[in-house]
Amino acid sequence: MTTLSTLNKFKKDGVKFTCLTCYDAMFARMMDNAQIDTILIGDSLGMVVQGHDSTLPVSVDDMAYHTANIARSNKHALILADLPFMSYVTLPDAVANSRKLMQAGAHVIKIEGGSELCDLVKTLAQAGT
């Protein structure tokens, strides 16, 4: 099983690792068989799976659903899941929504932003998300 410690060792040793985006159980099984190191469940599923023009309509429930499907079909990869747009504006929202994705099977939560998120990232890291 790939862990954050595994990735840190890879970085230290200059070893490259694999990361692919996945949205469903069938592809997660194929990635598991191929020993892909990390799988990202991206909010891009809004366009790829749901047919939207952008990622904006994707909900935390959508992300949790896809994360759970992938987690059930994966034994090897570290699973990263996006928190979708506007789902981490407040600290309580960020913690609750991170919990939801981790309970669905994510090992790591991905958020997008800049230095304005430093306190949020620190709080989530201390909480174990």
C-alpha atoms as a PDB file:
ATOM      1  CA  MET A   1       0.000   0.000   0.000  1.00  0.00           C
ATOM      2  CA  THR A   2       1.349   3.425  -0.959  1.00  0.00           C
ATOM      3  CA  THR A   3       1.393   5.886   1.937  1.00  0.00           C
ATOM      4  CA  LEU A   4       2.573   9.452   2.451  1.00  0.00           C
ATOM      5  CA  SER A   5       5.734   7.955   3.955  1.00  0.00           C
ATOM      6  CA  THR A   6       6.216   5.974   0.735  1.00  0.00           C
ATOM      7  CA  LEU A   7       5.923   9.151  -1.329  1.00  0.00           C
ATOM      8  CA  ASN A   8       8.320  11.002   0.981  1.00  0.00           C
ATOM      9  CA  LYS A   9      10.852   8.187   0.555  1.00  0.00           C
ATOM     10  CA  PHE A  10      10.384   8.300  -3.216  1.00  0.00           C
ATOM     11  CA  LYS A  11      11.052  12.043  -3.149  1.00  0.00           C
ATOM     12  CA  LYS A  12      14.134  11.636  -0.947  1.00  0.00           C
ATOM     13  CA  ASP A  13      15.492   8.893  -3.206  1.00  0.00           C
ATOM     14  CA  GLY A  14      14.576  10.657  -6.459  1.00  0.00           C
ATOM     15  CA  VAL A  15      12.160   7.887  -7.433  1.00  0.00           C
ATOM     16  CA  LYS A  16       9.301   8.786  -9.743  1.00  0.00           C
ATOM     17  CA  PHE A  17       5.802   7.611  -8.894  1.00  0.00           C
ATOM     18  CA  THR A  18       2.565   7.213 -10.806  1.00  0.00           C
ATOM     19  CA  CYS A  19      -0.633   9.208 -10.358  1.00  0.00           C
ATOM     20  CA  LEU A  20      -3.756   8.817 -12.464  1.00  0.00           C
ATOM     21  CA  THR A  21      -7.214  10.329 -12.246  1.00  0.00           C
ATOM     22  CA  CYS A  22     -10.036   7.865 -11.738  1.00  0.00           C
ATOM     23  CA  TYR A  23     -13.819   8.132 -11.377  1.00  0.00           C
ATOM     24  CA  ASP A  24     -15.133   4.559 -11.160  1.00  0.00           C
ATOM     25  CA  ALA A  25     -14.585   1.087  -9.762  1.00  0.00           C
ATOM     26  CA  MET A  26     -13.688  -0.606 -13.050  1.00  0.00           C
ATOM     27  CA  PHE A  27     -10.782   1.740 -13.740  1.00  0.00           C
ATOM     28  CA  ALA A  28      -9.746   1.618 -10.074  1.00  0.00           C
ATOM     29  CA  ARG A  29      -9.425  -2.173 -10.364  1.00  0.00           C
ATOM     30  CA  MET A  30      -7.297  -1.826 -13.488  1.00  0.00           C
ATOM     31  CA  MET A  31      -5.113   0.747 -11.725  1.00  0.00           C
ATOM     32  CA  ASP A  32      -4.818  -1.564  -8.736  1.00  0.00           C
ATOM     33  CA  ASN A  33      -3.703  -4.417 -11.003  1.00  0.00           C
ATOM     34  CA  ALA A  34      -1.153  -2.079 -12.609  1.00  0.00           C
ATOM     35  CA  GLN A  35       0.104  -1.038  -9.132  1.00  0.00           C
ATOM     36  CA  ILE A  36      -0.502   2.681  -9.765  1.00  0.00           C
ATOM     37  CA  ASP A  37       0.943   4.518  -6.755  1.00  0.00           C
ATOM     38  CA  THR A  38      -1.623   7.290  -6.346  1.00  0.00           C
ATOM     39  CA  ILE A  39      -5.170   7.832  -7.613  1.00  0.00           C
ATOM     40  CA  LEU A  40      -6.824  11.242  -7.772  1.00  0.00           C
ATOM     41  CA  ILE A  41     -10.585  11.534  -7.711  1.00  0.00           C
ATOM     42  CA  GLY A  42     -10.859  14.932  -9.340  1.00  0.00           C
ATOM     43  CA  ASP A  43     -13.791  17.301  -9.390  1.00  0.00           C
ATOM     44  CA  SER A  44     -13.214  17.141 -13.140  1.00  0.00           C
ATOM     45  CA  LEU A  45     -15.722  14.299 -12.910  1.00  0.00           C
ATOM     46  CA  GLY A  46     -18.280  17.061 -13.354  1.00  0.00           C
ATOM     47  CA  MET A  47     -17.241  17.332 -17.001  1.00  0.00           C
ATOM     48  CA  VAL A  48     -15.954  13.812 -17.677  1.00  0.00           C
ATOM     49  CA  VAL A  49     -18.718  11.788 -15.992  1.00  0.00           C
ATOM     50  CA  GLN A  50     -21.627  14.160 -15.391  1.00  0.00           C
ATOM     51  CA  GLY A  51     -21.490  16.110 -18.671  1.00  0.00           C
ATOM     52  CA  HIS A  52     -21.287  19.594 -17.116  1.00  0.00           C
ATOM     53  CA  ASP A  53     -19.421  22.465 -18.742  1.00  0.00           C
ATOM     54  CA  SER A  54     -17.281  22.984 -15.633  1.00  0.00           C
ATOM     55  CA  THR A  55     -16.509  21.601 -12.200  1.00  0.00           C
ATOM     56  CA  LEU A  56     -18.758  24.125 -10.430  1.00  0.00           C
ATOM     57  CA  PRO A  57     -21.846  21.876 -10.071  1.00  0.00           C
ATOM     58  CA  VAL A  58     -19.882  19.058  -8.394  1.00  0.00           C
ATOM     59  CA  SER A  59     -20.912  18.517  -4.774  1.00  0.00           C
ATOM     60  CA  VAL A  60     -19.142  16.950  -1.819  1.00  0.00           C
ATOM     61  CA  ASP A  61     -21.709  14.134  -2.010  1.00  0.00           C
ATOM     62  CA  ASP A  62     -20.686  13.518  -5.642  1.00  0.00           C
ATOM     63  CA  MET A  63     -17.039  13.362  -4.602  1.00  0.00           C
ATOM     64  CA  ALA A  64     -17.800  11.039  -1.669  1.00  0.00           C
ATOM     65  CA  TYR A  65     -19.797   8.691  -3.926  1.00  0.00           C
ATOM     66  CA  HIS A  66     -16.956   8.355  -6.451  1.00  0.00           C
ATOM     67  CA  THR A  67     -14.313   8.153  -3.720  1.00  0.00           C
ATOM     68  CA  ALA A  68     -16.148   5.251  -2.062  1.00  0.00           C
ATOM     69  CA  ASN A  69     -16.436   3.387  -5.377  1.00  0.00           C
ATOM     70  CA  ILE A  70     -12.718   3.715  -5.983  1.00  0.00           C
ATOM     71  CA  ALA A  71     -11.733   2.878  -2.410  1.00  0.00           C
ATOM     72  CA  ARG A  72     -13.669  -0.398  -2.586  1.00  0.00           C
ATOM     73  CA  SER A  73     -11.748  -1.380  -5.728  1.00  0.00           C
ATOM     74  CA  ASN A  74      -8.264  -0.343  -4.652  1.00  0.00           C
ATOM     75  CA  LYS A  75      -5.746  -2.084  -2.411  1.00  0.00           C
ATOM     76  CA  HIS A  76      -2.469  -0.451  -3.486  1.00  0.00           C
ATOM     77  CA  ALA A  77      -2.792   3.245  -4.269  1.00  0.00           C
ATOM     78  CA  LEU A  78      -2.872   6.265  -2.019  1.00  0.00           C
ATOM     79  CA  ILE A  79      -6.251   7.891  -2.742  1.00  0.00           C
ATOM     80  CA  LEU A  80      -6.443  11.664  -3.126  1.00  0.00           C
ATOM     81  CA  ALA A  81      -9.848  13.364  -3.388  1.00  0.00           C
ATOM     82  CA  ASP A  82     -10.655  16.939  -4.407  1.00  0.00           C
ATOM     83  CA  LEU A  83     -12.766  19.124  -2.205  1.00  0.00           C
ATOM     84  CA  PRO A  84     -14.990  20.823  -4.796  1.00  0.00           C
ATOM     85  CA  PHE A  85     -15.571  24.534  -5.352  1.00  0.00           C
ATOM     86  CA  MET A  86     -16.863  26.478  -2.309  1.00  0.00           C
ATOM     87  CA  SER A  87     -16.790  23.407  -0.055  1.00  0.00           C
ATOM     88  CA  TYR A  88     -13.971  24.716   2.145  1.00  0.00           C
ATOM     89  CA  VAL A  89     -14.700  28.426   2.502  1.00  0.00           C
ATOM     90  CA  THR A  90     -15.144  28.200   6.267  1.00  0.00           C
ATOM     91  CA  LEU A  91     -13.129  26.084   8.657  1.00  0.00           C
ATOM     92  CA  PRO A  92     -16.175  24.115   9.883  1.00  0.00           C
ATOM     93  CA  ASP A  93     -17.139  23.352   6.261  1.00  0.00           C
ATOM     94  CA  ALA A  94     -13.582  22.305   5.422  1.00  0.00           C
ATOM     95  CA  VAL A  95     -13.355  19.962   8.411  1.00  0.00           C
ATOM     96  CA  ALA A  96     -16.811  18.422   7.872  1.00  0.00           C
ATOM     97  CA  ASN A  97     -16.309  17.968   4.130  1.00  0.00           C
ATOM     98  CA  SER A  98     -12.799  16.558   4.570  1.00  0.00           C
ATOM     99  CA  ARG A  99     -14.193  14.099   7.099  1.00  0.00           C
ATOM    100  CA  LYS A 100     -16.880  13.037   4.636  1.00  0.00           C
ATOM    101  CA  LEU A 101     -14.337  12.305   1.884  1.00  0.00           C
ATOM    102  CA  MET A 102     -11.989  10.496   4.253  1.00  0.00           C
ATOM    103  CA  GLN A 103     -14.848   8.391   5.602  1.00  0.00           C
ATOM    104  CA  ALA A 104     -15.605   7.519   1.969  1.00  0.00           C
ATOM    105  CA  GLY A 105     -12.037   6.222   1.561  1.00  0.00           C
ATOM    106  CA  ALA A 106      -9.755   9.147   0.719  1.00  0.00           C
ATOM    107  CA  HIS A 107      -6.322   9.111   2.321  1.00  0.00           C
ATOM    108  CA  VAL A 108      -5.481  12.680   1.287  1.00  0.00           C
ATOM    109  CA  ILE A 109      -7.652  15.727   0.621  1.00  0.00           C
ATOM    110  CA  LYS A 110      -6.748  18.124  -2.188  1.00  0.00           C
ATOM    111  CA  ILE A 111      -7.698  21.791  -2.079  1.00  0.00           C
ATOM    112  CA  GLU A 112      -6.741  24.584  -4.444  1.00  0.00           C
ATOM    113  CA  GLY A 113      -5.685  28.078  -3.529  1.00  0.00           C
ATOM    114  CA  GLY A 114      -2.816  30.175  -2.301  1.00  0.00           C
ATOM    115  CA  SER A 115      -1.312  31.527   0.862  1.00  0.00           C
ATOM    116  CA  GLU A 116      -4.762  32.470   2.157  1.00  0.00           C
ATOM    117  CA  LEU A 117      -5.308  28.759   2.862  1.00  0.00           C
ATOM    118  CA  CYS A 118      -2.215  28.282   5.075  1.00  0.00           C
ATOM    119  CA  ASP A 119      -4.158  28.378   8.354  1.00  0.00           C
ATOM    120  CA  LEU A 120      -6.796  26.039   6.948  1.00  0.00           C
ATOM    121  CA  VAL A 121      -4.186  23.553   5.738  1.00  0.00           C
ATOM    122  CA  LYS A 122      -2.427  23.666   9.109  1.00  0.00           C
ATOM    123  CA  THR A 123      -5.688  23.006  10.951  1.00  0.00           C
ATOM    124  CA  LEU A 124      -6.643  20.131   8.641  1.00  0.00           C
ATOM    125  CA  ALA A 125      -3.170  18.601   8.948  1.00  0.00           C
ATOM    126  CA  GLN A 126      -3.304  18.791  12.737  1.00  0.00           C
ATOM    127  CA  ALA A 127      -6.740  17.147  12.632  1.00  0.00           C
ATOM    128  CA  GLY A 128      -5.291  14.288  10.618  1.00  0.00           C
ATOM    129  CA  THR A 129      -7.038  15.005   7.317  1.00  0.00           C
END
